[in-house]
């Protein structure tokens, strides 16, 4: 079984986010990038299939040279091949177009994306890929088993869980539940050394027009300072909750 895992680089949640050029451009200076968590859940599941069924895993990223660190981490986790499409991932349609162009040229049985990235939360790439490749897609998967070229899937829906059965080839978007955080693989020394020596295939981007453009970014407004009230002074607390916060 051949598996493609599409991964994106997102800022670590501990990184300080700033914007430049009159708040129109995200400032990447000094930001630590990591594998998008939803993508890492999918990668870990793919490695499980590799260990069980001798699957072959290719990780694909649309990004500039500063994303190669996350591709090497993906190899250290267990991917066999890494591909970087040399382009700035400006929007979902552009990323899907670049990925789709590559995926059309290779016959993958299973394509895994994250449900969404944790930076822009678009959640659209997997659906666009399904349309481009004419392959079935299942969104927000929390369980995936494959046996005899057939996938058994559970996915999150409003108010519950839906169970489906699908033939391969297939695209899924994964999230927590596909594997748990405790199941995420930490690269060992052998994996790290292998990743250092592995050649990352770099492909020049296709000429695809971007559908959107950023006009401005705005940080959330600062929260009001916390007012501490002595634990013995319950009357004051109740009064403030009633008259100022208006929650009781």
Protein backbone atom coordinates (compact mmCIF):
# COMPACT_ATOMS: atom_id res chain seq x y z
CA UNK A 1 0.00 0.00 0.00
CA UNK A 2 1.29 3.44 -0.96
CA UNK A 3 0.37 6.27 1.39
CA UNK A 4 0.83 10.00 0.86
CA UNK A 5 0.72 12.22 3.95
CA UNK A 6 0.34 15.94 3.28
CA UNK A 7 1.92 17.99 6.05
CA UNK A 8 2.13 21.70 6.71
CA UNK A 9 4.42 23.76 8.91
CA UNK A 10 2.64 25.83 11.56
CA UNK A 11 3.98 28.09 14.31
CA UNK A 12 4.59 26.43 17.64
CA UNK A 13 1.89 27.60 20.04
CA UNK A 14 4.57 29.06 22.32
CA UNK A 15 5.91 31.33 19.55
CA UNK A 16 5.23 35.05 19.75
CA UNK A 17 3.24 36.13 16.69
CA UNK A 18 3.87 39.49 15.02
CA UNK A 19 2.98 41.18 11.75
CA UNK A 20 4.98 43.59 9.59
CA UNK A 21 4.45 45.94 6.64
CA UNK A 22 1.53 47.73 8.26
CA UNK A 23 0.05 44.46 9.57
CA UNK A 24 -0.29 42.92 6.11
CA UNK A 25 2.44 40.25 6.34
CA UNK A 26 3.04 37.56 8.96
CA UNK A 27 6.53 37.96 10.44
CA UNK A 28 8.30 34.58 10.30
CA UNK A 29 11.44 35.92 11.98
CA UNK A 30 12.23 33.98 15.15
CA UNK A 31 9.13 31.76 14.88
CA UNK A 32 9.58 28.05 15.65
CA UNK A 33 7.66 25.90 13.16
CA UNK A 34 6.34 22.40 13.87
CA UNK A 35 4.33 19.75 12.03
CA UNK A 36 0.66 20.69 12.07
CA UNK A 37 -0.79 18.51 14.90
CA UNK A 38 -3.69 17.16 12.81
CA UNK A 39 -1.16 16.13 10.14
CA UNK A 40 1.02 14.44 12.74
CA UNK A 41 -1.92 12.31 13.88
CA UNK A 42 -2.31 11.18 10.27
CA UNK A 43 1.41 10.52 9.86
CA UNK A 44 1.47 8.41 13.01
CA UNK A 45 -1.45 6.34 11.72
CA UNK A 46 0.37 5.87 8.42
CA UNK A 47 3.44 4.60 10.28
CA UNK A 48 1.19 2.12 12.07
CA UNK A 49 0.07 0.79 8.65
CA UNK A 50 3.71 0.62 7.59
CA UNK A 51 4.59 -1.50 10.61
CA UNK A 52 1.55 -3.74 10.16
CA UNK A 53 1.24 -4.02 6.37
CA UNK A 54 4.63 -2.87 5.02
CA UNK A 55 3.05 0.29 3.62
CA UNK A 56 5.29 2.85 1.89
CA UNK A 57 4.93 6.44 3.12
CA UNK A 58 5.66 9.65 1.22
CA UNK A 59 5.29 12.97 3.06
CA UNK A 60 4.59 16.04 0.94
CA UNK A 61 4.84 19.69 1.91
CA UNK A 62 4.20 22.90 0.02
CA UNK A 63 6.71 25.30 1.49
CA UNK A 64 10.01 27.12 1.29
CA UNK A 65 13.40 25.79 2.42
CA UNK A 66 12.69 26.57 6.08
CA UNK A 67 10.14 23.73 6.20
CA UNK A 68 12.71 21.02 5.50
CA UNK A 69 13.24 20.53 9.24
CA UNK A 70 9.69 19.25 9.65
CA UNK A 71 10.14 16.94 6.65
CA UNK A 72 13.23 15.45 8.27
CA UNK A 73 11.29 14.98 11.50
CA UNK A 74 8.61 13.15 9.49
CA UNK A 75 11.30 10.84 8.08
CA UNK A 76 12.67 10.29 11.58
CA UNK A 77 9.17 9.34 12.72
CA UNK A 78 8.90 6.73 9.98
CA UNK A 79 8.23 8.18 6.51
CA UNK A 80 10.15 6.60 3.64
CA UNK A 81 10.27 9.55 1.24
CA UNK A 82 9.91 13.32 1.55
CA UNK A 83 8.87 15.78 -1.14
CA UNK A 84 8.91 19.58 -0.88
CA UNK A 85 7.07 21.60 -3.48
CA UNK A 86 9.07 24.81 -3.54
CA UNK A 87 6.41 27.49 -3.03
CA UNK A 88 5.02 29.83 -0.43
CA UNK A 89 1.67 28.28 0.68
CA UNK A 90 -0.43 31.38 0.21
CA UNK A 91 -3.95 29.93 0.39
CA UNK A 92 -5.87 26.64 0.41
CA UNK A 93 -6.65 26.59 -3.32
CA UNK A 94 -3.01 27.24 -4.20
CA UNK A 95 -1.76 24.52 -1.83
CA UNK A 96 -4.35 22.03 -3.11
CA UNK A 97 -3.39 22.83 -6.69
CA UNK A 98 0.29 22.18 -6.03
CA UNK A 99 -0.41 18.96 -4.12
CA UNK A 100 -2.93 17.79 -6.70
CA UNK A 101 -0.48 18.28 -9.56
CA UNK A 102 2.03 16.01 -7.80
CA UNK A 103 -0.49 13.42 -6.63
CA UNK A 104 -1.96 13.04 -10.14
CA UNK A 105 1.40 11.76 -11.33
CA UNK A 106 1.64 9.07 -8.64
CA UNK A 107 -0.76 6.30 -7.76
CA UNK A 108 -1.36 6.42 -4.01
CA UNK A 109 -3.83 4.10 -2.35
CA UNK A 110 -4.40 6.40 0.60
CA UNK A 111 -3.92 10.18 0.89
CA UNK A 112 -3.98 11.62 4.41
CA UNK A 113 -4.32 15.28 5.29
CA UNK A 114 -5.11 17.01 8.54
CA UNK A 115 -8.68 18.13 9.25
CA UNK A 116 -7.33 21.68 9.28
CA UNK A 117 -4.15 23.55 10.10
CA UNK A 118 -3.96 25.24 13.49
CA UNK A 119 -2.80 28.58 12.06
CA UNK A 120 -5.45 29.57 9.50
CA UNK A 121 -7.97 26.76 10.22
CA UNK A 122 -9.06 26.61 6.57
CA UNK A 123 -10.10 22.95 6.50
CA UNK A 124 -10.49 22.96 2.70
CA UNK A 125 -7.46 21.26 1.12
CA UNK A 126 -8.72 17.67 1.41
CA UNK A 127 -12.04 18.54 -0.27
CA UNK A 128 -10.32 20.37 -3.10
CA UNK A 129 -7.95 17.44 -3.63
CA UNK A 130 -10.88 15.04 -3.84
CA UNK A 131 -12.42 17.13 -6.61
CA UNK A 132 -9.13 17.44 -8.51
CA UNK A 133 -8.28 13.74 -8.27
CA UNK A 134 -11.86 12.42 -8.48
CA UNK A 135 -11.34 10.35 -5.33
CA UNK A 136 -13.73 9.85 -2.41
CA UNK A 137 -12.95 11.89 0.71
CA UNK A 138 -13.95 11.38 4.35
CA UNK A 139 -13.59 14.34 6.68
CA UNK A 140 -12.74 14.54 10.40
CA UNK A 141 -11.74 10.90 10.83
CA UNK A 142 -11.22 9.56 14.32
CA UNK A 143 -10.59 5.92 13.40
CA UNK A 144 -9.17 4.16 10.34
CA UNK A 145 -8.63 0.47 9.66
CA UNK A 146 -7.70 -1.01 6.27
CA UNK A 147 -8.07 -4.65 5.28
CA UNK A 148 -8.16 -6.18 1.78
CA UNK A 149 -8.21 -2.81 0.02
CA UNK A 150 -11.21 -1.61 2.03
CA UNK A 151 -11.22 1.09 4.70
CA UNK A 152 -13.39 1.05 7.81
CA UNK A 153 -13.70 4.58 9.13
CA UNK A 154 -15.26 6.46 12.02
CA UNK A 155 -15.68 10.19 11.72
CA UNK A 156 -16.90 12.96 13.97
CA UNK A 157 -20.26 14.54 13.11
CA UNK A 158 -22.56 16.90 14.99
CA UNK A 159 -23.95 15.04 17.96
CA UNK A 160 -22.14 11.75 17.43
CA UNK A 161 -19.96 9.46 15.33
CA UNK A 162 -20.58 8.12 11.83
CA UNK A 163 -19.15 4.76 10.67
CA UNK A 164 -18.37 4.20 7.00
CA UNK A 165 -16.86 1.58 4.71
CA UNK A 166 -14.94 2.76 1.62
CA UNK A 167 -12.85 1.21 -1.12
CA UNK A 168 -9.37 2.49 -1.87
CA UNK A 169 -8.10 4.84 -3.26
CA UNK A 170 -9.31 7.27 -0.65
CA UNK A 171 -8.57 10.67 0.88
CA UNK A 172 -9.12 11.23 4.58
CA UNK A 173 -8.66 14.24 6.82
CA UNK A 174 -7.45 13.22 10.26
CA UNK A 175 -7.59 14.65 13.74
CA UNK A 176 -7.07 13.63 17.35
CA UNK A 177 -8.65 10.22 17.81
CA UNK A 178 -7.10 8.83 14.64
CA UNK A 179 -4.36 8.29 17.17
CA UNK A 180 -4.13 9.76 20.66
CA UNK A 181 -1.49 12.26 21.72
CA UNK A 182 0.10 9.56 23.86
CA UNK A 183 0.58 7.46 20.68
CA UNK A 184 2.56 10.11 18.79
CA UNK A 185 5.99 8.81 17.92
CA UNK A 186 9.11 10.48 19.24
CA UNK A 187 12.03 10.06 16.80
CA UNK A 188 14.74 7.77 18.13
CA UNK A 189 18.45 8.15 17.40
CA UNK A 190 18.36 5.72 14.49
CA UNK A 191 15.47 7.61 12.91
CA UNK A 192 17.23 10.95 13.39
CA UNK A 193 20.42 9.67 11.76
CA UNK A 194 18.44 8.23 8.85
CA UNK A 195 16.62 11.53 8.37
CA UNK A 196 19.90 13.45 8.23
CA UNK A 197 21.16 11.36 5.33
CA UNK A 198 17.88 11.18 3.41
CA UNK A 199 17.59 13.28 0.26
CA UNK A 200 14.50 15.48 0.21
CA UNK A 201 13.06 15.71 -3.28
CA UNK A 202 12.45 19.35 -4.19
CA UNK A 203 9.98 20.08 -6.99
CA UNK A 204 9.45 23.51 -8.50
CA UNK A 205 5.94 24.84 -8.17
CA UNK A 206 3.35 24.81 -10.92
CA UNK A 207 2.17 28.15 -12.30
CA UNK A 208 -1.09 28.45 -10.36
CA UNK A 209 -2.88 31.70 -9.60
CA UNK A 210 -3.71 32.48 -5.97
CA UNK A 211 -7.41 32.98 -5.32
CA UNK A 212 -7.07 35.18 -2.26
CA UNK A 213 -4.74 37.80 -0.80
CA UNK A 214 -4.21 38.99 2.76
CA UNK A 215 -5.24 42.61 3.25
CA UNK A 216 -4.58 42.91 6.99
CA UNK A 217 -4.00 40.94 10.18
CA UNK A 218 -5.29 41.94 13.58
CA UNK A 219 -4.37 40.49 16.95
CA UNK A 220 -7.12 39.74 19.46
CA UNK A 221 -7.75 42.58 21.86
CA UNK A 222 -6.08 42.25 25.23
CA UNK A 223 -8.17 40.76 27.99
CA UNK A 224 -8.95 42.85 31.01
CA UNK A 225 -6.70 42.41 33.99
CA UNK A 226 -7.78 39.87 36.57
CA UNK A 227 -9.18 41.31 39.79
CA UNK A 228 -8.44 39.19 42.82
CA UNK A 229 -10.94 39.12 45.70
CA UNK A 230 -10.19 37.70 49.10
CA UNK A 231 -11.71 34.27 49.60
CA UNK A 232 -13.35 35.46 52.81
CA UNK A 233 -15.14 38.34 51.09
CA UNK A 234 -17.94 36.45 49.31
CA UNK A 235 -20.37 39.38 49.46
CA UNK A 236 -18.05 41.54 47.37
CA UNK A 237 -17.56 38.71 44.87
CA UNK A 238 -21.29 38.19 44.47
CA UNK A 239 -21.89 41.93 44.06
CA UNK A 240 -19.26 42.25 41.31
CA UNK A 241 -20.53 39.16 39.49
CA UNK A 242 -24.05 40.56 39.61
CA UNK A 243 -23.51 44.28 38.93
CA UNK A 244 -20.31 44.42 36.91
CA UNK A 245 -19.93 41.07 35.15
CA UNK A 246 -23.73 40.58 34.99
CA UNK A 247 -23.39 36.80 35.04
CA UNK A 248 -25.68 36.15 38.00
